[in-house]
PDB file of N, CA and C in Angstrom:
ATOM      1  N   MET A   1     118.483  84.909   3.304  1.00  0.00           N
ATOM      2  CA  MET A   1     120.095  85.779   2.063  1.00  0.00           C
ATOM      3  C   MET A   1     121.402  85.628   3.294  1.00  0.00           C
ATOM      4  N   ASP A   2     120.840  85.889   4.170  1.00  0.00           N
ATOM      5  CA  ASP A   2     121.641  86.199   5.526  1.00  0.00           C
ATOM      6  C   ASP A   2     122.086  84.567   5.776  1.00  0.00           C
ATOM      7  N   ASN A   3     121.290  83.726   5.636  1.00  0.00           N
ATOM      8  CA  ASN A   3     122.134  82.537   6.269  1.00  0.00           C
ATOM      9  C   ASN A   3     122.934  81.529   5.239  1.00  0.00           C
ATOM     10  N   TYR A   4     122.710  82.446   3.810  1.00  0.00           N
ATOM     11  CA  TYR A   4     123.447  82.003   2.218  1.00  0.00           C
ATOM     12  C   TYR A   4     124.774  82.295   2.956  1.00  0.00           C
ATOM     13  N   VAL A   5     124.869  83.780   3.645  1.00  0.00           N
ATOM     14  CA  VAL A   5     125.939  84.317   3.141  1.00  0.00           C
ATOM     15  C   VAL A   5     126.458  84.105   4.200  1.00  0.00           C
ATOM     16  N   ASP A   6     126.115  83.373   5.683  1.00  0.00           N
ATOM     17  CA  ASP A   6     126.647  82.925   6.721  1.00  0.00           C
ATOM     18  C   ASP A   6     127.821  81.802   6.074  1.00  0.00           C
ATOM     19  N   GLU A   7     126.548  80.863   5.364  1.00  0.00           N
ATOM     20  CA  GLU A   7     127.470  79.532   5.498  1.00  0.00           C
ATOM     21  C   GLU A   7     128.500  79.700   4.478  1.00  0.00           C
ATOM     22  N   LEU A   8     128.351  80.823   3.215  1.00  0.00           N
ATOM     23  CA  LEU A   8     129.474  80.883   2.331  1.00  0.00           C
ATOM     24  C   LEU A   8     130.385  81.489   2.552  1.00  0.00           C
ATOM     25  N   ASN A   9     130.604  82.088   4.215  1.00  0.00           N
ATOM     26  CA  ASN A   9     131.887  82.371   4.899  1.00  0.00           C
ATOM     27  C   ASN A   9     132.142  81.609   5.331  1.00  0.00           C
ATOM     28  N   ALA A  10     131.646  80.607   5.701  1.00  0.00           N
ATOM     29  CA  ALA A  10     132.170  80.032   6.723  1.00  0.00           C
ATOM     30  C   ALA A  10     132.871  78.758   5.815  1.00  0.00           C
ATOM     31  N   ARG A  11     132.331  78.265   4.583  1.00  0.00           N
ATOM     32  CA  ARG A  11     132.764  77.478   3.801  1.00  0.00           C
ATOM     33  C   ARG A  11     133.935  78.376   3.048  1.00  0.00           C
ATOM     34  N   ILE A  12     134.118  79.509   3.184  1.00  0.00           N
ATOM     35  CA  ILE A  12     135.405  80.001   2.455  1.00  0.00           C
ATOM     36  C   ILE A  12     136.492  80.378   3.245  1.00  0.00           C
ATOM     37  N   GLU A  13     136.151  80.074   4.445  1.00  0.00           N
ATOM     38  CA  GLU A  13     136.864  79.611   5.810  1.00  0.00           C
ATOM     39  C   GLU A  13     137.616  78.917   5.887  1.00  0.00           C
ATOM     40  N   LYS A  14     137.033  77.735   5.684  1.00  0.00           N
ATOM     41  CA  LYS A  14     137.375  76.537   5.457  1.00  0.00           C
ATOM     42  C   LYS A  14     138.758  76.716   4.376  1.00  0.00           C
ATOM     43  N   LEU A  15     138.243  77.089   3.640  1.00  0.00           N
ATOM     44  CA  LEU A  15     139.520  76.757   2.033  1.00  0.00           C
ATOM     45  C   LEU A  15     140.392  77.776   2.361  1.00  0.00           C
ATOM     46  N   TYR A  16     140.205  79.182   3.018  1.00  0.00           N
ATOM     47  CA  TYR A  16     141.516  79.549   3.224  1.00  0.00           C
ATOM     48  C   TYR A  16     142.510  78.856   3.693  1.00  0.00           C
ATOM     49  N   ASP A  17     141.637  78.033   4.561  1.00  0.00           N
ATOM     50  CA  ASP A  17     143.157  77.125   5.549  1.00  0.00           C
ATOM     51  C   ASP A  17     143.717  76.520   4.984  1.00  0.00           C
ATOM     52  N   ARG A  18     142.690  74.959   4.021  1.00  0.00           N
ATOM     53  CA  ARG A  18     143.237  74.272   3.641  1.00  0.00           C
ATOM     54  C   ARG A  18     144.441  75.206   2.612  1.00  0.00           C
ATOM     55  N   ILE A  19     144.011  76.080   2.064  1.00  0.00           N
ATOM     56  CA  ILE A  19     145.562  76.625   1.052  1.00  0.00           C
ATOM     57  C   ILE A  19     146.209  77.503   2.459  1.00  0.00           C
ATOM     58  N   TYR A  20     145.574  77.339   2.989  1.00  0.00           N
ATOM     59  CA  TYR A  20     147.086  78.015   4.490  1.00  0.00           C
ATOM     60  C   TYR A  20     147.928  76.910   4.733  1.00  0.00           C
ATOM     61  N   GLN A  21     148.161  75.549   4.812  1.00  0.00           N
ATOM     62  CA  GLN A  21     148.038  74.368   5.166  1.00  0.00           C
ATOM     63  C   GLN A  21     149.086  74.240   4.417  1.00  0.00           C
ATOM     64  N   ASN A  22     148.686  74.339   2.776  1.00  0.00           N
ATOM     65  CA  ASN A  22     149.448  73.634   2.299  1.00  0.00           C
ATOM     66  C   ASN A  22     150.444  74.868   1.355  1.00  0.00           C
ATOM     67  N   LYS A  23     150.294  75.801   2.143  1.00  0.00           N
ATOM     68  CA  LYS A  23     151.299  77.095   0.966  1.00  0.00           C
ATOM     69  C   LYS A  23     152.857  76.330   0.845  1.00  0.00           C
ATOM     70  N   ASN A  24     153.777  76.175   1.753  1.00  0.00           N
ATOM     71  CA  ASN A  24     154.801  76.080   1.242  1.00  0.00           C
ATOM     72  C   ASN A  24     155.058  75.550   0.936  1.00  0.00           C
ATOM     73  N   MET A  25     154.433  73.794   0.315  1.00  0.00           N
ATOM     74  CA  MET A  25     154.680  73.171  -0.818  1.00  0.00           C
ATOM     75  C   MET A  25     154.568  73.909  -1.906  1.00  0.00           C
ATOM     76  N   LEU A  26     153.503  74.490  -1.712  1.00  0.00           N
ATOM     77  CA  LEU A  26     152.697  75.293  -3.358  1.00  0.00           C
ATOM     78  C   LEU A  26     153.572  76.272  -4.145  1.00  0.00           C
ATOM     79  N   VAL A  27     154.051  76.638  -2.958  1.00  0.00           N
ATOM     80  CA  VAL A  27     155.132  78.038  -3.269  1.00  0.00           C
ATOM     81  C   VAL A  27     156.375  77.218  -3.792  1.00  0.00           C
ATOM     82  N   ALA A  28     156.542  75.855  -3.360  1.00  0.00           N
ATOM     83  CA  ALA A  28     157.927  75.310  -3.658  1.00  0.00           C
ATOM     84  C   ALA A  28     157.885  74.461  -5.022  1.00  0.00           C
ATOM     85  N   TYR A  29     156.518  74.046  -5.345  1.00  0.00           N
ATOM     86  CA  TYR A  29     155.850  73.338  -6.516  1.00  0.00           C
ATOM     87  C   TYR A  29     155.984  74.522  -7.436  1.00  0.00           C
ATOM     88  N   ASN A  30     155.693  75.493  -7.084  1.00  0.00           N
ATOM     89  CA  ASN A  30     155.384  76.342  -8.065  1.00  0.00           C
ATOM     90  C   ASN A  30     156.652  77.150  -8.487  1.00  0.00           C
ATOM     91  N   LEU A  31     157.544  77.328  -8.042  1.00  0.00           N
ATOM     92  CA  LEU A  31     158.881  77.859  -8.229  1.00  0.00           C
ATOM     93  C   LEU A  31     159.734  76.582  -8.609  1.00  0.00           C
ATOM     94  N   ILE A  32     159.656  75.560  -8.406  1.00  0.00           N
ATOM     95  CA  ILE A  32     160.249  74.700  -9.495  1.00  0.00           C
ATOM     96  C   ILE A  32     159.950  74.811 -11.108  1.00  0.00           C
ATOM     97  N   GLU A  33     159.009  73.946 -10.921  1.00  0.00           N
ATOM     98  CA  GLU A  33     158.090  74.138 -12.538  1.00  0.00           C
ATOM     99  C   GLU A  33     157.804  75.427 -12.399  1.00  0.00           C
ATOM    100  N   LYS A  34     158.106  76.858 -12.729  1.00  0.00           N
ATOM    101  CA  LYS A  34     158.200  77.833 -13.163  1.00  0.00           C
ATOM    102  C   LYS A  34     156.096  77.632 -13.473  1.00  0.00           C
ATOM    103  N   GLU A  35     156.538  78.313 -15.103  1.00  0.00           N
ATOM    104  CA  GLU A  35     155.356  78.371 -16.241  1.00  0.00           C
ATOM    105  C   GLU A  35     154.955  77.257 -16.353  1.00  0.00           C
ATOM    106  N   HIS A  36     155.082  75.856 -16.262  1.00  0.00           N
ATOM    107  CA  HIS A  36     153.977  74.692 -16.408  1.00  0.00           C
ATOM    108  C   HIS A  36     153.864  74.347 -15.308  1.00  0.00           C
ATOM    109  N   SER A  37     153.340  74.965 -14.063  1.00  0.00           N
ATOM    110  CA  SER A  37     152.333  74.605 -12.806  1.00  0.00           C
ATOM    111  C   SER A  37     151.287  75.261 -13.032  1.00  0.00           C
ATOM    112  N   ASN A  38     149.956  74.495 -12.838  1.00  0.00           N
ATOM    113  CA  ASN A  38     148.552  74.036 -12.394  1.00  0.00           C
ATOM    114  C   ASN A  38     148.181  74.927 -11.867  1.00  0.00           C
ATOM    115  N   TYR A  39     149.443  75.520 -10.465  1.00  0.00           N
ATOM    116  CA  TYR A  39     148.330  75.854  -9.135  1.00  0.00           C
ATOM    117  C   TYR A  39     149.214  76.416  -9.360  1.00  0.00           C
ATOM    118  N   GLN A  40     149.677  77.651 -10.075  1.00  0.00           N
ATOM    119  CA  GLN A  40     150.460  78.723  -9.372  1.00  0.00           C
ATOM    120  C   GLN A  40     149.735  80.218  -9.067  1.00  0.00           C
ATOM    121  N   HIS A  41     148.842  80.396  -9.675  1.00  0.00           N
ATOM    122  CA  HIS A  41     147.659  81.064  -9.235  1.00  0.00           C
ATOM    123  C   HIS A  41     146.228  81.186  -8.379  1.00  0.00           C
ATOM    124  N   ILE A  42     146.421  79.768  -7.657  1.00  0.00           N
ATOM    125  CA  ILE A  42     146.044  79.503  -6.513  1.00  0.00           C
ATOM    126  C   ILE A  42     146.212  80.232  -5.488  1.00  0.00           C
ATOM    127  N   PHE A  43     146.889  80.958  -4.634  1.00  0.00           N
ATOM    128  CA  PHE A  43     146.895  82.351  -3.975  1.00  0.00           C
ATOM    129  C   PHE A  43     146.277  84.011  -4.523  1.00  0.00           C
ATOM    130  N   MET A  44     146.041  83.448  -5.413  1.00  0.00           N
ATOM    131  CA  MET A  44     144.801  85.006  -5.968  1.00  0.00           C
ATOM    132  C   MET A  44     143.784  84.917  -5.708  1.00  0.00           C
ATOM    133  N   LEU A  45     143.186  83.361  -6.108  1.00  0.00           N
ATOM    134  CA  LEU A  45     141.775  83.021  -5.885  1.00  0.00           C
ATOM    135  C   LEU A  45     141.224  84.100  -4.309  1.00  0.00           C
ATOM    136  N   PRO A  46     141.790  83.684  -3.590  1.00  0.00           N
ATOM    137  CA  PRO A  46     141.022  84.010  -2.078  1.00  0.00           C
ATOM    138  C   PRO A  46     140.753  85.634  -1.872  1.00  0.00           C
ATOM    139  N   GLU A  47     141.809  86.299  -2.580  1.00  0.00           N
ATOM    140  CA  GLU A  47     141.713  87.334  -3.012  1.00  0.00           C
ATOM    141  C   GLU A  47     140.662  87.866  -3.634  1.00  0.00           C
ATOM    142  N   ILE A  48     140.647  87.378  -5.099  1.00  0.00           N
ATOM    143  CA  ILE A  48     139.179  87.490  -5.998  1.00  0.00           C
ATOM    144  C   ILE A  48     138.229  87.204  -5.226  1.00  0.00           C
ATOM    145  N   ILE A  49     137.899  85.885  -4.269  1.00  0.00           N
ATOM    146  CA  ILE A  49     136.616  85.314  -3.916  1.00  0.00           C
ATOM    147  C   ILE A  49     135.920  86.914  -2.881  1.00  0.00           C
ATOM    148  N   ASN A  50     137.403  86.881  -1.901  1.00  0.00           N
ATOM    149  CA  ASN A  50     136.559  88.436  -0.864  1.00  0.00           C
ATOM    150  C   ASN A  50     136.277  89.712  -1.693  1.00  0.00           C
ATOM    151  N   ARG A  51     137.235  89.409  -2.602  1.00  0.00           N
ATOM    152  CA  ARG A  51     136.540  91.256  -3.679  1.00  0.00           C
ATOM    153  C   ARG A  51     135.245  90.738  -3.820  1.00  0.00           C
ATOM    154  N   ASN A  52     134.250  89.232  -4.367  1.00  0.00           N
ATOM    155  CA  ASN A  52     133.675  89.041  -4.666  1.00  0.00           C
ATOM    156  C   ASN A  52     132.089  89.459  -3.992  1.00  0.00           C
ATOM    157  N   MET A  53     132.928  88.904  -2.662  1.00  0.00           N
ATOM    158  CA  MET A  53     132.209  88.374  -1.830  1.00  0.00           C
ATOM    159  C   MET A  53     131.753  90.550  -0.914  1.00  0.00           C
ATOM    160  N   GLN A  54     132.953  91.808  -1.179  1.00  0.00           N
ATOM    161  CA  GLN A  54     132.282  92.863  -0.499  1.00  0.00           C
ATOM    162  C   GLN A  54     131.384  93.358  -1.318  1.00  0.00           C
ATOM    163  N   VAL A  55     131.638  93.017  -2.858  1.00  0.00           N
ATOM    164  CA  VAL A  55     130.555  93.488  -3.866  1.00  0.00           C
ATOM    165  C   VAL A  55     129.382  92.984  -4.078  1.00  0.00           C
ATOM    166  N   GLY A  56     128.945  92.153  -2.913  1.00  0.00           N
ATOM    167  CA  GLY A  56     128.124  91.379  -2.996  1.00  0.00           C
ATOM    168  C   GLY A  56     127.383  90.653  -3.850  1.00  0.00           C
ATOM    169  N   ASN A  57     128.313  89.996  -4.701  1.00  0.00           N
ATOM    170  CA  ASN A  57     128.256  89.363  -5.878  1.00  0.00           C
ATOM    171  C   ASN A  57     128.611  87.526  -5.237  1.00  0.00           C
ATOM    172  N   TYR A  58     127.537  87.657  -4.554  1.00  0.00           N
ATOM    173  CA  TYR A  58     127.386  85.951  -3.621  1.00  0.00           C
ATOM    174  C   TYR A  58     127.950  84.981  -4.697  1.00  0.00           C
ATOM    175  N   ARG A  59     127.164  85.176  -5.676  1.00  0.00           N
ATOM    176  CA  ARG A  59     126.939  83.942  -6.806  1.00  0.00           C
ATOM    177  C   ARG A  59     128.544  83.706  -7.078  1.00  0.00           C
ATOM    178  N   ARG A  60     128.865  84.725  -8.078  1.00  0.00           N
ATOM    179  CA  ARG A  60     130.563  84.523  -8.732  1.00  0.00           C
ATOM    180  C   ARG A  60     131.658  84.422  -7.527  1.00  0.00           C
ATOM    181  N   ALA A  61     131.289  84.462  -5.959  1.00  0.00           N
ATOM    182  CA  ALA A  61     132.203  84.071  -5.437  1.00  0.00           C
ATOM    183  C   ALA A  61     132.226  82.519  -4.593  1.00  0.00           C
ATOM    184  N   ALA A  62     130.556  82.300  -4.994  1.00  0.00           N
ATOM    185  CA  ALA A  62     130.564  80.418  -4.636  1.00  0.00           C
ATOM    186  C   ALA A  62     130.729  79.525  -5.506  1.00  0.00           C
ATOM    187  N   LEU A  63     130.854  80.453  -6.973  1.00  0.00           N
ATOM    188  CA  LEU A  63     131.067  79.803  -8.397  1.00  0.00           C
ATOM    189  C   LEU A  63     132.796  79.772  -8.541  1.00  0.00           C
ATOM    190  N   TYR A  64     133.617  80.662  -7.717  1.00  0.00           N
ATOM    191  CA  TYR A  64     135.332  80.807  -7.394  1.00  0.00           C
ATOM    192  C   TYR A  64     135.734  79.734  -6.063  1.00  0.00           C
ATOM    193  N   SER A  65     134.949  79.892  -4.694  1.00  0.00           N
ATOM    194  CA  SER A  65     134.768  78.857  -4.434  1.00  0.00           C
ATOM    195  C   SER A  65     134.822  77.111  -4.331  1.00  0.00           C
ATOM    196  N   ILE A  66     133.828  76.750  -5.454  1.00  0.00           N
ATOM    197  CA  ILE A  66     133.682  75.823  -5.507  1.00  0.00           C
ATOM    198  C   ILE A  66     135.027  75.404  -6.488  1.00  0.00           C
ATOM    199  N   PHE A  67     135.841  76.345  -7.714  1.00  0.00           N
ATOM    200  CA  PHE A  67     136.640  76.234  -8.198  1.00  0.00           C
ATOM    201  C   PHE A  67     137.283  75.455  -7.118  1.00  0.00           C
ATOM    202  N   THR A  68     137.716  76.638  -6.615  1.00  0.00           N
ATOM    203  CA  THR A  68     139.501  76.400  -5.298  1.00  0.00           C
ATOM    204  C   THR A  68     138.960  75.117  -4.502  1.00  0.00           C
ATOM    205  N   GLU A  69     138.354  75.109  -4.406  1.00  0.00           N
ATOM    206  CA  GLU A  69     137.676  73.068  -3.248  1.00  0.00           C
ATOM    207  C   GLU A  69     138.766  72.527  -4.548  1.00  0.00           C
ATOM    208  N   ARG A  70     137.713  72.926  -5.633  1.00  0.00           N
ATOM    209  CA  ARG A  70     138.061  71.272  -6.504  1.00  0.00           C
ATOM    210  C   ARG A  70     139.385  70.982  -6.865  1.00  0.00           C
ATOM    211  N   MET A  71     140.316  72.217  -6.663  1.00  0.00           N
ATOM    212  CA  MET A  71     141.822  72.577  -6.692  1.00  0.00           C
ATOM    213  C   MET A  71     142.212  72.051  -6.054  1.00  0.00           C
ATOM    214  N   MET A  72     141.925  72.444  -4.934  1.00  0.00           N
ATOM    215  CA  MET A  72     142.399  72.184  -3.498  1.00  0.00           C
ATOM    216  C   MET A  72     142.567  70.681  -3.421  1.00  0.00           C
ATOM    217  N   ASP A  73     141.885  70.187  -3.754  1.00  0.00           N
ATOM    218  CA  ASP A  73     141.136  68.501  -3.625  1.00  0.00           C
ATOM    219  C   ASP A  73     142.468  68.227  -4.925  1.00  0.00           C
ATOM    220  N   GLU A  74     142.564  67.940  -6.008  1.00  0.00           N
ATOM    221  CA  GLU A  74     143.190  67.542  -6.651  1.00  0.00           C
ATOM    222  C   GLU A  74     145.244  68.259  -6.231  1.00  0.00           C
ATOM    223  N   ILE A  75     145.124  69.004  -5.548  1.00  0.00           N
ATOM    224  CA  ILE A  75     146.291  69.047  -4.648  1.00  0.00           C
ATOM    225  C   ILE A  75     146.837  68.187  -3.879  1.00  0.00           C
ATOM    226  N   GLU A  76     145.776  68.209  -2.814  1.00  0.00           N
ATOM    227  CA  GLU A  76     145.749  67.147  -1.793  1.00  0.00           C
ATOM    228  C   GLU A  76     146.018  66.012  -1.916  1.00  0.00           C
ATOM    229  N   SER A  77     145.547  65.532  -3.136  1.00  0.00           N
ATOM    230  CA  SER A  77     145.668  64.414  -3.980  1.00  0.00           C
ATOM    231  C   SER A  77     146.575  63.862  -4.609  1.00  0.00           C
ATOM    232  N   ASN A  78     147.506  64.851  -5.052  1.00  0.00           N
ATOM    233  CA  ASN A  78     148.758  64.609  -6.268  1.00  0.00           C
ATOM    234  C   ASN A  78     149.851  65.368  -4.991  1.00  0.00           C
ATOM    235  N   SER A  79     149.402  65.177  -3.821  1.00  0.00           N
ATOM    236  CA  SER A  79     150.439  66.175  -2.725  1.00  0.00           C
ATOM    237  C   SER A  79     151.788  64.613  -2.379  1.00  0.00           C
ATOM    238  N   GLY A  80     151.711  63.847  -3.167  1.00  0.00           N
ATOM    239  CA  GLY A  80     152.838  62.750  -2.534  1.00  0.00           C
ATOM    240  C   GLY A  80     153.657  63.226  -3.426  1.00  0.00           C
ATOM    241  N   ARG A  81     152.893  63.378  -5.016  1.00  0.00           N
ATOM    242  CA  ARG A  81     153.800  63.277  -6.092  1.00  0.00           C
ATOM    243  C   ARG A  81     154.378  64.855  -6.420  1.00  0.00           C
ATOM    244  N   ILE A  82     153.620  66.417  -5.868  1.00  0.00           N
ATOM    245  CA  ILE A  82     154.621  67.242  -5.502  1.00  0.00           C
ATOM    246  C   ILE A  82     155.592  66.806  -4.468  1.00  0.00           C
ATOM    247  N   ARG A  83     155.518  66.628  -3.255  1.00  0.00           N
ATOM    248  CA  ARG A  83     156.252  66.530  -2.450  1.00  0.00           C
ATOM    249  C   ARG A  83     157.612  65.636  -2.799  1.00  0.00           C
ATOM    250  N   GLU A  84     157.388  64.698  -3.368  1.00  0.00           N
ATOM    251  CA  GLU A  84     158.712  63.877  -4.196  1.00  0.00           C
ATOM    252  C   GLU A  84     159.487  64.877  -5.441  1.00  0.00           C
ATOM    253  N   LYS A  85     158.447  65.513  -6.195  1.00  0.00           N
ATOM    254  CA  LYS A  85     159.370  66.367  -6.813  1.00  0.00           C
ATOM    255  C   LYS A  85     159.882  67.208  -6.518  1.00  0.00           C
ATOM    256  N   ILE A  86     159.852  67.720  -4.964  1.00  0.00           N
ATOM    257  CA  ILE A  86     160.243  68.949  -4.610  1.00  0.00           C
ATOM    258  C   ILE A  86     161.550  68.250  -4.395  1.00  0.00           C
ATOM    259  N   ASN A  87     161.469  66.661  -3.801  1.00  0.00           N
ATOM    260  CA  ASN A  87     162.450  66.288  -2.882  1.00  0.00           C
ATOM    261  C   ASN A  87     163.135  65.729  -3.681  1.00  0.00           C
ATOM    262  N   ASP A  88     162.949  65.625  -5.114  1.00  0.00           N
ATOM    263  CA  ASP A  88     163.947  65.160  -6.085  1.00  0.00           C
ATOM    264  C   ASP A  88     164.944  66.267  -6.749  1.00  0.00           C
ATOM    265  N   TYR A  89     163.801  67.630  -6.375  1.00  0.00           N
ATOM    266  CA  TYR A  89     164.660  68.503  -6.876  1.00  0.00           C
ATOM    267  C   TYR A  89     166.195  69.566  -5.970  1.00  0.00           C
ATOM    268  N   ILE A  90     165.445  69.161  -4.564  1.00  0.00           N
ATOM    269  CA  ILE A  90     166.756  69.319  -3.780  1.00  0.00           C
ATOM    270  C   ILE A  90     167.819  68.852  -3.527  1.00  0.00           C
ATOM    271  N   LEU A  91     167.401  67.400  -3.716  1.00  0.00           N
ATOM    272  CA  LEU A  91     168.709  66.179  -3.879  1.00  0.00           C
ATOM    273  C   LEU A  91     169.462  66.038  -5.423  1.00  0.00           C
ATOM    274  N   THR A  92     169.035  66.650  -6.287  1.00  0.00           N
ATOM    275  CA  THR A  92     169.925  66.845  -7.253  1.00  0.00           C
ATOM    276  C   THR A  92     169.925  68.577  -7.683  1.00  0.00           C
ATOM    277  N   ASP A  93     169.747  69.046  -7.147  1.00  0.00           N
ATOM    278  CA  ASP A  93     170.308  70.702  -6.660  1.00  0.00           C
ATOM    279  C   ASP A  93     171.677  70.165  -6.490  1.00  0.00           C
TER     280      ASP A  93
END
C-alpha cells in the first residue's frame, strides 16, 4: 500500500507542476470567459485531491488526479487557441 501511495504522491506532484506552469494563462482565460470557461475550477482540484489524500481516501484522490490530468492534457492541446483568444482580447480592449 505504501508503494501505491508513494506513486500516487509522485503523480500528483507532477500534476501540480503542470497546473502551476499554466497558471497565468488559465487565470487570464478564466477572466476573459467569465462564466463560460470550462477550466474555471481547475485550481480547486489540487485542494480536493490533497484533502482526500490526508483523509486516506486514496481511490478518490486517484480518480480526481486522473480527471485533472485529462483536463490538463486538454488545456495543453488547446493552449495555442487560448493564447490567441487572450491576445485578441488584449488587442481589442
